Amino acid sequence: MKTNNHRRTQWASLLMLVVIAIWPVFQSCDDPDLQERTNFQELIGEYLENNSDDYSMLVELLYKAESMSFLKAYGGYTLLAPDNEAISAYLSDQGLSSLNDLSEEDLKTLVRYHVVKDTISTTEFVDGRLKTENMYGHFITSGTYFEDGEVVTKFNKYANLVEPDIRLANGIVHRIG
């Protein structure tokens, strides 16, 4: 009988010790200062949303194409980001009035065409194709031209580089128009 009481006392003591040891763990779950991120540098998706005056149509396109999530995650990307003016011009050229006139597959194709899974700065642009293909599987070309007394960089001889090398936590954005 003494042995059973002694064992019960040992188990009760052990259980009490375990509860005391893990209690702080349960308390920390409600910690209002708990941070889910370790790096608070802006991500590409966040940058686009925070600059909606220039990129609201691109943000809409990314959400409609279900592609914003990877631009809000860590990785290494280059985004040739068409601004609102460029997207409006594209829609007009296609005879469309809004992004709603595009199919989901067309939206995804547009995204894949503008994203490269690599970080490529303007120092790596040479006349010819970029070193890495876009997510659509094509190589984008870059070239330097002299127009109206200015030197301009263009992609695929069409899209002007408006603002280069916007460096963010998960890559580089080049604004195109």
N, C-alpha and C. Protein backbone atom coordinates (compact mmCIF):
# COMPACT_ATOMS: atom_id res chain seq x y z
N MET A 1 0.81 -1.18 0.00
CA MET A 1 0.00 0.00 0.00
C MET A 1 0.86 1.25 0.00
N LYS A 2 1.94 1.21 0.77
CA LYS A 2 2.84 2.36 0.81
C LYS A 2 3.45 2.61 -0.56
N THR A 3 3.73 1.55 -1.31
CA THR A 3 4.34 1.69 -2.63
C THR A 3 3.39 2.40 -3.59
N ASN A 4 2.10 2.04 -3.58
CA ASN A 4 1.13 2.69 -4.47
C ASN A 4 0.97 4.17 -4.13
N ASN A 5 0.90 4.49 -2.85
CA ASN A 5 0.78 5.90 -2.44
C ASN A 5 2.03 6.67 -2.83
N HIS A 6 3.18 6.05 -2.66
CA HIS A 6 4.44 6.70 -3.02
C HIS A 6 4.51 6.96 -4.53
N ARG A 7 4.07 5.97 -5.33
CA ARG A 7 4.06 6.14 -6.80
C ARG A 7 3.07 7.24 -7.22
N ARG A 8 1.91 7.25 -6.58
CA ARG A 8 0.93 8.29 -6.90
C ARG A 8 1.49 9.67 -6.57
N THR A 9 2.17 9.78 -5.49
CA THR A 9 2.77 11.05 -5.09
C THR A 9 3.84 11.46 -6.11
N GLN A 10 4.63 10.48 -6.57
CA GLN A 10 5.66 10.78 -7.58
C GLN A 10 5.03 11.25 -8.89
N TRP A 11 3.98 10.55 -9.33
CA TRP A 11 3.31 10.92 -10.58
C TRP A 11 2.65 12.30 -10.45
N ALA A 12 2.05 12.56 -9.34
CA ALA A 12 1.41 13.86 -9.12
C ALA A 12 2.46 14.97 -9.12
N SER A 13 3.59 14.72 -8.50
CA SER A 13 4.67 15.71 -8.49
C SER A 13 5.21 15.94 -9.89
N LEU A 14 5.38 14.85 -10.63
CA LEU A 14 5.88 14.96 -12.00
C LEU A 14 4.90 15.73 -12.88
N LEU A 15 3.63 15.41 -12.72
CA LEU A 15 2.60 16.10 -13.50
C LEU A 15 2.58 17.59 -13.17
N MET A 16 2.68 17.93 -11.91
CA MET A 16 2.72 19.33 -11.50
C MET A 16 3.94 20.04 -12.07
N LEU A 17 5.06 19.38 -12.08
CA LEU A 17 6.29 19.95 -12.64
C LEU A 17 6.15 20.20 -14.14
N VAL A 18 5.53 19.27 -14.86
CA VAL A 18 5.32 19.43 -16.32
C VAL A 18 4.39 20.60 -16.57
N VAL A 19 3.31 20.71 -15.81
CA VAL A 19 2.36 21.82 -15.99
C VAL A 19 3.05 23.15 -15.74
N ILE A 20 3.84 23.22 -14.69
CA ILE A 20 4.56 24.46 -14.38
C ILE A 20 5.55 24.79 -15.49
N ALA A 21 6.20 23.77 -16.07
CA ALA A 21 7.21 23.99 -17.10
C ALA A 21 6.59 24.47 -18.41
N ILE A 22 5.43 23.94 -18.78
CA ILE A 22 4.86 24.32 -20.08
C ILE A 22 3.86 25.46 -19.99
N TRP A 23 3.50 25.89 -18.81
CA TRP A 23 2.54 27.00 -18.65
C TRP A 23 2.96 28.26 -19.41
N PRO A 24 4.24 28.67 -19.36
CA PRO A 24 4.64 29.87 -20.12
C PRO A 24 4.43 29.73 -21.63
N VAL A 25 4.52 28.51 -22.14
CA VAL A 25 4.30 28.29 -23.57
C VAL A 25 2.87 28.65 -23.93
N PHE A 26 1.92 28.20 -23.11
CA PHE A 26 0.53 28.50 -23.39
C PHE A 26 0.24 29.98 -23.22
N GLN A 27 0.89 30.61 -22.30
CA GLN A 27 0.71 32.04 -22.09
C GLN A 27 1.22 32.84 -23.28
N SER A 28 2.30 32.39 -23.92
CA SER A 28 2.87 33.13 -25.04
C SER A 28 2.00 33.08 -26.28
N CYS A 29 1.08 32.13 -26.35
CA CYS A 29 0.19 32.06 -27.52
C CYS A 29 -0.71 33.28 -27.62
N ASP A 30 -0.96 33.92 -26.51
CA ASP A 30 -1.82 35.10 -26.49
C ASP A 30 -1.01 36.39 -26.50
N ASP A 31 0.28 36.28 -26.78
CA ASP A 31 1.17 37.44 -26.74
C ASP A 31 0.81 38.41 -27.86
N PRO A 32 0.33 39.60 -27.52
CA PRO A 32 -0.04 40.56 -28.58
C PRO A 32 1.17 41.09 -29.34
N ASP A 33 2.37 40.92 -28.82
CA ASP A 33 3.57 41.39 -29.50
C ASP A 33 4.19 40.33 -30.40
N LEU A 34 3.55 39.17 -30.51
CA LEU A 34 4.07 38.10 -31.35
C LEU A 34 4.10 38.55 -32.81
N GLN A 35 5.23 38.42 -33.46
CA GLN A 35 5.39 38.84 -34.85
C GLN A 35 5.45 37.61 -35.76
N GLU A 36 4.68 37.60 -36.83
CA GLU A 36 4.70 36.49 -37.76
C GLU A 36 5.78 36.65 -38.82
N ARG A 37 6.30 37.83 -38.99
CA ARG A 37 7.33 38.10 -39.98
C ARG A 37 8.63 38.46 -39.27
N THR A 38 9.71 38.10 -39.90
CA THR A 38 11.01 38.48 -39.36
C THR A 38 11.63 39.61 -40.16
N ASN A 39 11.12 39.84 -41.35
CA ASN A 39 11.64 40.89 -42.22
C ASN A 39 10.47 41.78 -42.63
N PHE A 40 10.58 43.04 -42.35
CA PHE A 40 9.48 43.95 -42.65
C PHE A 40 9.75 44.83 -43.86
N GLN A 41 10.75 44.44 -44.67
CA GLN A 41 10.98 45.15 -45.92
C GLN A 41 9.81 44.84 -46.85
N GLU A 42 9.41 45.82 -47.61
CA GLU A 42 8.25 45.70 -48.48
C GLU A 42 8.46 44.65 -49.56
N LEU A 43 7.42 43.85 -49.79
CA LEU A 43 7.41 42.84 -50.86
C LEU A 43 6.79 43.45 -52.11
N ILE A 44 7.00 42.82 -53.25
CA ILE A 44 6.50 43.36 -54.52
C ILE A 44 4.99 43.61 -54.47
N GLY A 45 4.22 42.63 -54.04
CA GLY A 45 2.77 42.80 -53.97
C GLY A 45 2.35 43.94 -53.07
N GLU A 46 3.04 44.08 -51.95
CA GLU A 46 2.74 45.19 -51.03
C GLU A 46 3.09 46.53 -51.66
N TYR A 47 4.21 46.58 -52.34
CA TYR A 47 4.63 47.82 -53.02
C TYR A 47 3.56 48.25 -54.03
N LEU A 48 3.08 47.32 -54.83
CA LEU A 48 2.06 47.65 -55.83
C LEU A 48 0.79 48.17 -55.16
N GLU A 49 0.36 47.51 -54.08
CA GLU A 49 -0.84 47.96 -53.37
C GLU A 49 -0.63 49.32 -52.72
N ASN A 50 0.56 49.56 -52.22
CA ASN A 50 0.85 50.84 -51.57
C ASN A 50 1.05 51.99 -52.55
N ASN A 51 1.16 51.68 -53.83
CA ASN A 51 1.32 52.70 -54.86
C ASN A 51 0.18 52.58 -55.87
N SER A 52 -1.03 52.56 -55.35
CA SER A 52 -2.21 52.32 -56.18
C SER A 52 -2.47 53.44 -57.19
N ASP A 53 -1.94 54.64 -56.96
CA ASP A 53 -2.11 55.70 -57.95
C ASP A 53 -1.51 55.29 -59.29
N ASP A 54 -0.44 54.53 -59.25
CA ASP A 54 0.24 54.08 -60.46
C ASP A 54 -0.12 52.66 -60.87
N TYR A 55 -0.48 51.80 -59.90
CA TYR A 55 -0.59 50.37 -60.19
C TYR A 55 -1.93 49.74 -59.82
N SER A 56 -2.99 50.50 -59.64
CA SER A 56 -4.27 49.91 -59.23
C SER A 56 -4.78 48.89 -60.24
N MET A 57 -4.59 49.15 -61.52
CA MET A 57 -5.05 48.20 -62.54
C MET A 57 -4.21 46.93 -62.53
N LEU A 58 -2.91 47.06 -62.29
CA LEU A 58 -2.05 45.89 -62.20
C LEU A 58 -2.42 45.06 -60.98
N VAL A 59 -2.72 45.71 -59.86
CA VAL A 59 -3.15 44.99 -58.65
C VAL A 59 -4.43 44.23 -58.94
N GLU A 60 -5.38 44.89 -59.60
CA GLU A 60 -6.64 44.22 -59.98
C GLU A 60 -6.36 43.02 -60.87
N LEU A 61 -5.50 43.20 -61.85
CA LEU A 61 -5.13 42.12 -62.76
C LEU A 61 -4.53 40.94 -61.99
N LEU A 62 -3.62 41.23 -61.07
CA LEU A 62 -2.96 40.17 -60.30
C LEU A 62 -3.96 39.40 -59.44
N TYR A 63 -4.90 40.10 -58.83
CA TYR A 63 -5.91 39.40 -58.03
C TYR A 63 -6.84 38.58 -58.92
N LYS A 64 -7.27 39.14 -60.03
CA LYS A 64 -8.17 38.40 -60.93
C LYS A 64 -7.49 37.15 -61.50
N ALA A 65 -6.18 37.23 -61.70
CA ALA A 65 -5.42 36.10 -62.23
C ALA A 65 -4.95 35.16 -61.12
N GLU A 66 -5.35 35.46 -59.89
CA GLU A 66 -4.96 34.66 -58.73
C GLU A 66 -3.44 34.52 -58.63
N SER A 67 -2.75 35.63 -58.85
CA SER A 67 -1.29 35.62 -58.89
C SER A 67 -0.63 36.57 -57.90
N MET A 68 -1.41 37.28 -57.11
CA MET A 68 -0.81 38.22 -56.17
C MET A 68 -0.06 37.50 -55.06
N SER A 69 -0.50 36.30 -54.70
CA SER A 69 0.06 35.63 -53.53
C SER A 69 1.57 35.39 -53.65
N PHE A 70 2.07 35.00 -54.81
CA PHE A 70 3.51 34.74 -54.89
C PHE A 70 4.32 36.02 -54.91
N LEU A 71 3.71 37.14 -55.30
CA LEU A 71 4.42 38.42 -55.24
C LEU A 71 4.38 39.02 -53.83
N LYS A 72 3.63 38.37 -52.94
CA LYS A 72 3.61 38.77 -51.53
C LYS A 72 4.34 37.73 -50.68
N ALA A 73 5.11 36.87 -51.33
CA ALA A 73 5.87 35.83 -50.63
C ALA A 73 7.35 36.02 -50.95
N TYR A 74 8.17 35.35 -50.19
CA TYR A 74 9.61 35.48 -50.42
C TYR A 74 10.02 34.66 -51.63
N GLY A 75 11.04 35.12 -52.30
CA GLY A 75 11.55 34.50 -53.51
C GLY A 75 12.43 35.51 -54.21
N GLY A 76 12.66 35.30 -55.47
CA GLY A 76 13.45 36.23 -56.25
C GLY A 76 12.80 36.45 -57.60
N TYR A 77 12.19 37.60 -57.79
CA TYR A 77 11.45 37.90 -59.01
C TYR A 77 11.87 39.24 -59.60
N THR A 78 11.67 39.35 -60.91
CA THR A 78 11.74 40.63 -61.59
C THR A 78 10.36 40.84 -62.21
N LEU A 79 9.76 41.98 -61.91
CA LEU A 79 8.45 42.31 -62.47
C LEU A 79 8.60 43.51 -63.37
N LEU A 80 8.25 43.33 -64.63
CA LEU A 80 8.14 44.46 -65.55
C LEU A 80 6.70 44.95 -65.36
N ALA A 81 6.54 45.95 -64.52
CA ALA A 81 5.23 46.36 -64.02
C ALA A 81 4.60 47.44 -64.89
N PRO A 82 3.61 47.08 -65.69
CA PRO A 82 2.92 48.11 -66.46
C PRO A 82 2.08 48.99 -65.54
N ASP A 83 2.23 50.30 -65.69
CA ASP A 83 1.44 51.21 -64.86
C ASP A 83 0.02 51.31 -65.43
N ASN A 84 -0.82 52.06 -64.75
CA ASN A 84 -2.23 52.18 -65.17
C ASN A 84 -2.35 52.67 -66.61
N GLU A 85 -1.50 53.62 -66.98
CA GLU A 85 -1.54 54.16 -68.34
C GLU A 85 -1.22 53.08 -69.37
N ALA A 86 -0.23 52.25 -69.08
CA ALA A 86 0.16 51.18 -70.01
C ALA A 86 -0.94 50.13 -70.14
N ILE A 87 -1.57 49.77 -69.02
CA ILE A 87 -2.64 48.77 -69.09
C ILE A 87 -3.84 49.34 -69.83
N SER A 88 -4.16 50.60 -69.60
CA SER A 88 -5.27 51.24 -70.34
C SER A 88 -4.99 51.24 -71.83
N ALA A 89 -3.75 51.57 -72.21
CA ALA A 89 -3.38 51.57 -73.63
C ALA A 89 -3.48 50.17 -74.22
N TYR A 90 -3.06 49.16 -73.47
CA TYR A 90 -3.16 47.77 -73.95
C TYR A 90 -4.62 47.39 -74.18
N LEU A 91 -5.48 47.69 -73.21
CA LEU A 91 -6.90 47.36 -73.34
C LEU A 91 -7.50 48.07 -74.55
N SER A 92 -7.15 49.33 -74.73
CA SER A 92 -7.66 50.09 -75.86
C SER A 92 -7.20 49.48 -77.19
N ASP A 93 -5.91 49.10 -77.26
CA ASP A 93 -5.38 48.47 -78.47
C ASP A 93 -6.09 47.15 -78.79
N GLN A 94 -6.54 46.46 -77.74
CA GLN A 94 -7.23 45.18 -77.92
C GLN A 94 -8.73 45.35 -78.14
N GLY A 95 -9.20 46.59 -78.08
CA GLY A 95 -10.64 46.86 -78.25
C GLY A 95 -11.45 46.45 -77.03
N LEU A 96 -10.82 46.49 -75.86
CA LEU A 96 -11.49 46.10 -74.62
C LEU A 96 -11.70 47.33 -73.75
N SER A 97 -12.72 47.27 -72.90
CA SER A 97 -13.00 48.42 -72.05
C SER A 97 -12.45 48.25 -70.63
N SER A 98 -12.26 47.02 -70.18
CA SER A 98 -11.74 46.81 -68.82
C SER A 98 -11.11 45.43 -68.72
N LEU A 99 -10.48 45.18 -67.59
CA LEU A 99 -9.89 43.87 -67.35
C LEU A 99 -10.95 42.77 -67.27
N ASN A 100 -12.18 43.15 -66.97
CA ASN A 100 -13.28 42.18 -66.91
C ASN A 100 -13.55 41.54 -68.26
N ASP A 101 -13.09 42.18 -69.33
CA ASP A 101 -13.31 41.65 -70.67
C ASP A 101 -12.32 40.55 -71.03
N LEU A 102 -11.34 40.31 -70.18
CA LEU A 102 -10.34 39.27 -70.43
C LEU A 102 -10.71 37.99 -69.68
N SER A 103 -10.43 36.85 -70.29
CA SER A 103 -10.66 35.57 -69.62
C SER A 103 -9.62 35.37 -68.53
N GLU A 104 -9.89 34.45 -67.63
CA GLU A 104 -8.94 34.15 -66.56
C GLU A 104 -7.61 33.68 -67.14
N GLU A 105 -7.65 32.89 -68.19
CA GLU A 105 -6.41 32.42 -68.81
C GLU A 105 -5.63 33.56 -69.45
N ASP A 106 -6.33 34.51 -70.09
CA ASP A 106 -5.66 35.68 -70.66
C ASP A 106 -5.00 36.53 -69.56
N LEU A 107 -5.68 36.66 -68.43
CA LEU A 107 -5.11 37.41 -67.32
C LEU A 107 -3.84 36.73 -66.80
N LYS A 108 -3.90 35.41 -66.66
CA LYS A 108 -2.72 34.66 -66.18
C LYS A 108 -1.57 34.75 -67.18
N THR A 109 -1.89 34.75 -68.47
CA THR A 109 -0.86 34.88 -69.49
C THR A 109 -0.17 36.24 -69.38
N LEU A 110 -0.95 37.30 -69.17
CA LEU A 110 -0.37 38.63 -69.01
C LEU A 110 0.59 38.68 -67.81
N VAL A 111 0.18 38.07 -66.71
CA VAL A 111 1.05 38.05 -65.53
C VAL A 111 2.32 37.28 -65.84
N ARG A 112 2.18 36.08 -66.38
CA ARG A 112 3.36 35.25 -66.69
C ARG A 112 4.32 35.95 -67.65
N TYR A 113 3.77 36.75 -68.52
CA TYR A 113 4.60 37.45 -69.50
C TYR A 113 5.45 38.54 -68.85
N HIS A 114 4.98 39.11 -67.75
CA HIS A 114 5.66 40.25 -67.11
C HIS A 114 6.52 39.87 -65.91
N VAL A 115 6.54 38.58 -65.54
CA VAL A 115 7.30 38.15 -64.37
C VAL A 115 8.41 37.20 -64.79
N VAL A 116 9.60 37.45 -64.24
CA VAL A 116 10.77 36.59 -64.45
C VAL A 116 11.17 36.06 -63.08
N LYS A 117 11.41 34.75 -63.00
CA LYS A 117 11.83 34.14 -61.73
C LYS A 117 13.33 34.30 -61.56
N ASP A 118 13.75 35.52 -61.41
CA ASP A 118 15.16 35.87 -61.22
C ASP A 118 15.18 37.36 -60.90
N THR A 119 16.19 37.82 -60.23
CA THR A 119 16.30 39.26 -59.99
C THR A 119 17.29 39.85 -60.99
N ILE A 120 16.76 40.69 -61.87
CA ILE A 120 17.57 41.26 -62.95
C ILE A 120 17.51 42.78 -62.85
N SER A 121 18.64 43.38 -62.56
CA SER A 121 18.70 44.85 -62.48
C SER A 121 19.09 45.41 -63.84
N THR A 122 18.98 46.73 -63.97
CA THR A 122 19.29 47.37 -65.25
C THR A 122 20.76 47.22 -65.63
N THR A 123 21.63 46.98 -64.66
CA THR A 123 23.04 46.77 -65.00
C THR A 123 23.24 45.50 -65.80
N GLU A 124 22.25 44.60 -65.75
CA GLU A 124 22.33 43.35 -66.50
C GLU A 124 21.59 43.42 -67.84
N PHE A 125 20.96 44.55 -68.13
CA PHE A 125 20.29 44.70 -69.43
C PHE A 125 21.35 44.94 -70.50
N VAL A 126 21.28 44.19 -71.52
CA VAL A 126 22.13 44.41 -72.69
C VAL A 126 21.20 44.38 -73.89
N ASP A 127 21.64 44.97 -74.98
CA ASP A 127 20.80 44.88 -76.17
C ASP A 127 20.71 43.40 -76.54
N GLY A 128 19.52 42.92 -76.56
CA GLY A 128 19.28 41.49 -76.79
C GLY A 128 18.32 40.98 -75.74
N ARG A 129 18.34 39.71 -75.50
CA ARG A 129 17.37 39.15 -74.58
C ARG A 129 17.88 39.14 -73.14
N LEU A 130 16.93 39.16 -72.20
CA LEU A 130 17.28 39.05 -70.80
C LEU A 130 17.84 37.65 -70.54
N LYS A 131 18.62 37.50 -69.49
CA LYS A 131 19.33 36.25 -69.24
C LYS A 131 18.42 35.09 -68.82
N THR A 132 17.22 35.41 -68.35
CA THR A 132 16.28 34.38 -67.88
C THR A 132 14.94 34.60 -68.57
N GLU A 133 14.30 33.50 -68.94
CA GLU A 133 12.99 33.62 -69.59
C GLU A 133 11.92 33.99 -68.58
N ASN A 134 10.84 34.56 -69.09
CA ASN A 134 9.73 34.93 -68.22
C ASN A 134 8.93 33.67 -67.83
N MET A 135 7.94 33.84 -66.98
CA MET A 135 7.15 32.69 -66.52
C MET A 135 6.29 32.11 -67.64
N TYR A 136 6.17 32.82 -68.73
CA TYR A 136 5.43 32.33 -69.90
C TYR A 136 6.32 31.43 -70.76
N GLY A 137 7.63 31.47 -70.51
CA GLY A 137 8.56 30.63 -71.25
C GLY A 137 9.24 31.34 -72.40
N HIS A 138 9.09 32.65 -72.50
CA HIS A 138 9.71 33.43 -73.56
C HIS A 138 10.82 34.31 -72.99
N PHE A 139 11.76 34.62 -73.84
CA PHE A 139 12.79 35.58 -73.45
C PHE A 139 12.35 36.97 -73.86
N ILE A 140 12.43 37.90 -72.96
CA ILE A 140 12.10 39.30 -73.23
C ILE A 140 13.36 39.97 -73.73
N THR A 141 13.21 40.81 -74.74
CA THR A 141 14.37 41.53 -75.25
C THR A 141 14.40 42.94 -74.67
N SER A 142 15.60 43.45 -74.53
CA SER A 142 15.75 44.84 -74.11
C SER A 142 16.65 45.52 -75.13
N GLY A 143 16.43 46.78 -75.31
CA GLY A 143 17.24 47.54 -76.26
C GLY A 143 17.29 49.00 -75.87
N THR A 144 18.36 49.65 -76.27
CA THR A 144 18.55 51.07 -76.00
C THR A 144 18.36 51.83 -77.31
N TYR A 145 17.56 52.87 -77.27
CA TYR A 145 17.22 53.63 -78.46
C TYR A 145 17.41 55.12 -78.18
N PHE A 146 17.59 55.88 -79.24
CA PHE A 146 17.69 57.33 -79.15
C PHE A 146 16.44 57.89 -79.79
N GLU A 147 15.55 58.46 -78.96
CA GLU A 147 14.28 59.00 -79.44
C GLU A 147 14.07 60.41 -78.89
N ASP A 148 13.73 61.33 -79.77
CA ASP A 148 13.44 62.71 -79.37
C ASP A 148 14.53 63.31 -78.50
N GLY A 149 15.77 63.03 -78.86
CA GLY A 149 16.90 63.60 -78.15
C GLY A 149 17.23 62.93 -76.82
N GLU A 150 16.58 61.81 -76.52
CA GLU A 150 16.83 61.10 -75.27
C GLU A 150 17.15 59.64 -75.52
N VAL A 151 17.93 59.07 -74.62
CA VAL A 151 18.21 57.64 -74.66
C VAL A 151 17.13 56.93 -73.85
N VAL A 152 16.48 55.95 -74.45
CA VAL A 152 15.42 55.21 -73.76
C VAL A 152 15.70 53.71 -73.85
N THR A 153 15.25 53.00 -72.84
CA THR A 153 15.32 51.54 -72.84
C THR A 153 13.93 51.02 -73.10
N LYS A 154 13.85 50.04 -73.99
CA LYS A 154 12.56 49.44 -74.33
C LYS A 154 12.64 47.93 -74.19
N PHE A 155 11.51 47.36 -73.87
CA PHE A 155 11.38 45.90 -73.84
C PHE A 155 10.58 45.47 -75.05
N ASN A 156 11.09 44.48 -75.75
CA ASN A 156 10.46 43.96 -76.96
C ASN A 156 10.14 45.07 -77.96
N LYS A 157 10.98 46.09 -78.00
CA LYS A 157 10.88 47.24 -78.91
C LYS A 157 9.58 48.02 -78.75
N TYR A 158 8.89 47.83 -77.63
CA TYR A 158 7.58 48.45 -77.48
C TYR A 158 7.41 49.19 -76.15
N ALA A 159 7.64 48.50 -75.05
CA ALA A 159 7.36 49.07 -73.72
C ALA A 159 8.55 49.86 -73.21
N ASN A 160 8.32 51.12 -72.88
CA ASN A 160 9.38 51.97 -72.35
C ASN A 160 9.64 51.69 -70.88
N LEU A 161 10.92 51.68 -70.52
CA LEU A 161 11.31 51.60 -69.12
C LEU A 161 11.12 53.00 -68.53
N VAL A 162 10.19 53.13 -67.59
CA VAL A 162 9.85 54.43 -67.01
C VAL A 162 10.61 54.67 -65.71
N GLU A 163 10.64 53.65 -64.85
CA GLU A 163 11.33 53.76 -63.56
C GLU A 163 12.04 52.43 -63.28
N PRO A 164 13.37 52.43 -63.30
CA PRO A 164 14.11 51.18 -63.14
C PRO A 164 14.46 50.85 -61.69
N ASP A 165 14.77 49.59 -61.47
CA ASP A 165 15.44 49.11 -60.26
C ASP A 165 14.78 49.51 -58.94
N ILE A 166 13.50 49.23 -58.81
CA ILE A 166 12.83 49.43 -57.53
C ILE A 166 13.07 48.13 -56.74
N ARG A 167 14.00 48.18 -55.81
CA ARG A 167 14.43 46.98 -55.08
C ARG A 167 13.54 46.73 -53.88
N LEU A 168 13.04 45.50 -53.80
CA LEU A 168 12.13 45.10 -52.73
C LEU A 168 12.62 43.78 -52.12
N ALA A 169 11.97 43.33 -51.07
CA ALA A 169 12.44 42.16 -50.33
C ALA A 169 12.48 40.90 -51.20
N ASN A 170 11.57 40.76 -52.14
CA ASN A 170 11.53 39.54 -52.94
C ASN A 170 11.83 39.78 -54.43
N GLY A 171 12.51 40.88 -54.73
CA GLY A 171 12.91 41.08 -56.12
C GLY A 171 13.00 42.53 -56.52
N ILE A 172 12.90 42.72 -57.83
CA ILE A 172 13.07 44.04 -58.43
C ILE A 172 11.87 44.33 -59.33
N VAL A 173 11.38 45.56 -59.23
CA VAL A 173 10.30 46.03 -60.10
C VAL A 173 10.88 47.06 -61.04
N HIS A 174 10.53 46.94 -62.32
CA HIS A 174 10.85 47.95 -63.33
C HIS A 174 9.51 48.44 -63.86
N ARG A 175 9.23 49.70 -63.63
CA ARG A 175 7.96 50.28 -64.12
C ARG A 175 8.08 50.48 -65.63
N ILE A 176 7.08 49.99 -66.33
CA ILE A 176 7.06 50.17 -67.79
C ILE A 176 5.80 50.91 -68.20
N GLY A 177 5.91 51.62 -69.30
CA GLY A 177 4.78 52.39 -69.80
C GLY A 177 4.65 52.28 -71.29
